[in-house]
């Protein structure tokens, strides 16, 4: 597995998930079940972390539009970050 990849065993993200992301980069690939999307770690105007995930289509044809997710916690573990997702921003 590439160090610039997040693997998610589900076809959709949801609040409460903890993602194991690469530290030291703000742009990476998210593998969501049977598909993939690009993601960027950003900060809002107050400095809080956000995760922007590009749109994708699941194997059953469901289209998931680009979303920006709040990040409740961001904890570094060596060369990885654990991102605890909050709700998406409408």
Protein backbone atom coordinates (compact mmCIF):
# COMPACT_ATOMS: atom_id res chain seq x y z
CA UNK A 1 0.00 0.00 0.00
CA UNK A 2 1.23 3.50 -0.80
CA UNK A 3 1.94 5.81 2.09
CA UNK A 4 -0.36 8.36 0.41
CA UNK A 5 -3.49 6.20 0.68
CA UNK A 6 -6.36 5.98 3.17
CA UNK A 7 -8.27 2.69 3.07
CA UNK A 8 -11.93 2.74 4.16
CA UNK A 9 -13.78 -0.61 4.22
CA UNK A 10 -17.09 1.12 3.41
CA UNK A 11 -18.50 2.73 0.27
CA UNK A 12 -19.32 5.99 2.11
CA UNK A 13 -17.73 8.15 4.78
CA UNK A 14 -19.75 8.98 7.90
CA UNK A 15 -19.31 10.98 11.10
CA UNK A 16 -17.40 9.05 13.73
CA UNK A 17 -15.07 7.20 11.36
CA UNK A 18 -11.39 7.33 12.21
CA UNK A 19 -9.24 7.53 9.10
CA UNK A 20 -5.57 6.52 9.08
CA UNK A 21 -4.06 9.20 6.82
CA UNK A 22 -0.51 9.98 5.77
CA UNK A 23 1.24 12.68 7.81
CA UNK A 24 3.28 15.29 6.01
CA UNK A 25 1.03 15.58 2.96
CA UNK A 26 -2.27 17.34 2.44
CA UNK A 27 -3.31 15.54 -0.76
CA UNK A 28 -3.91 11.79 -0.91
CA UNK A 29 -6.05 8.98 -2.29
CA UNK A 30 -9.02 7.47 -0.40
CA UNK A 31 -9.99 3.90 -1.27
CA UNK A 32 -13.69 3.53 -0.44
CA UNK A 33 -14.71 -0.11 -0.68
CA UNK A 34 -14.53 -0.74 -4.43
CA UNK A 35 -13.82 2.80 -5.68
CA UNK A 36 -11.46 5.70 -4.99
CA UNK A 37 -11.43 9.47 -4.58
CA UNK A 38 -8.91 12.23 -4.04
CA UNK A 39 -8.86 14.03 -0.69
CA UNK A 40 -7.24 17.15 0.73
CA UNK A 41 -6.62 18.07 4.33
CA UNK A 42 -7.46 21.78 4.76
CA UNK A 43 -8.03 24.29 7.54
CA UNK A 44 -11.00 26.61 7.93
CA UNK A 45 -10.64 30.34 8.71
CA UNK A 46 -10.15 29.59 12.42
CA UNK A 47 -7.48 26.93 11.80
CA UNK A 48 -9.69 23.89 12.46
CA UNK A 49 -8.95 20.90 10.20
CA UNK A 50 -11.31 19.91 7.38
CA UNK A 51 -11.20 17.05 4.91
CA UNK A 52 -12.36 17.69 1.34
CA UNK A 53 -13.21 14.44 -0.47
CA UNK A 54 -13.85 14.53 -4.21
CA UNK A 55 -16.96 13.03 -5.77
CA UNK A 56 -17.08 9.38 -6.83
CA UNK A 57 -19.43 6.62 -7.96
CA UNK A 58 -19.91 3.38 -6.03
CA UNK A 59 -20.02 -0.04 -7.74
CA UNK A 60 -23.84 -0.05 -7.55
CA UNK A 61 -23.99 3.28 -9.40
CA UNK A 62 -24.62 5.63 -6.48
CA UNK A 63 -23.09 9.04 -7.17
CA UNK A 64 -21.51 10.70 -4.14
CA UNK A 65 -20.84 14.40 -4.62
CA UNK A 66 -17.74 16.17 -3.33
CA UNK A 67 -18.01 16.88 0.40
CA UNK A 68 -16.08 18.74 3.03
CA UNK A 69 -15.97 16.99 6.40
CA UNK A 70 -15.17 18.50 9.77
CA UNK A 71 -12.40 16.75 11.70
CA UNK A 72 -13.11 16.35 15.43
CA UNK A 73 -9.61 15.18 16.36
CA UNK A 74 -6.33 14.99 14.51
CA UNK A 75 -3.70 12.84 16.27
CA UNK A 76 -0.25 12.05 14.89
CA UNK A 77 1.08 8.48 15.17
CA UNK A 78 4.57 8.42 13.66
CA UNK A 79 4.21 8.88 9.90
CA UNK A 80 0.39 8.65 10.03
CA UNK A 81 -2.46 10.88 11.23
CA UNK A 82 -5.68 9.61 12.75
CA UNK A 83 -8.56 11.82 11.58
CA UNK A 84 -11.76 11.47 13.60
CA UNK A 85 -14.50 12.68 11.23
CA UNK A 86 -17.25 14.97 12.36
CA UNK A 87 -20.29 15.90 10.27
CA UNK A 88 -19.95 17.04 6.68
CA UNK A 89 -20.49 20.71 5.88
CA UNK A 90 -23.56 21.33 3.71
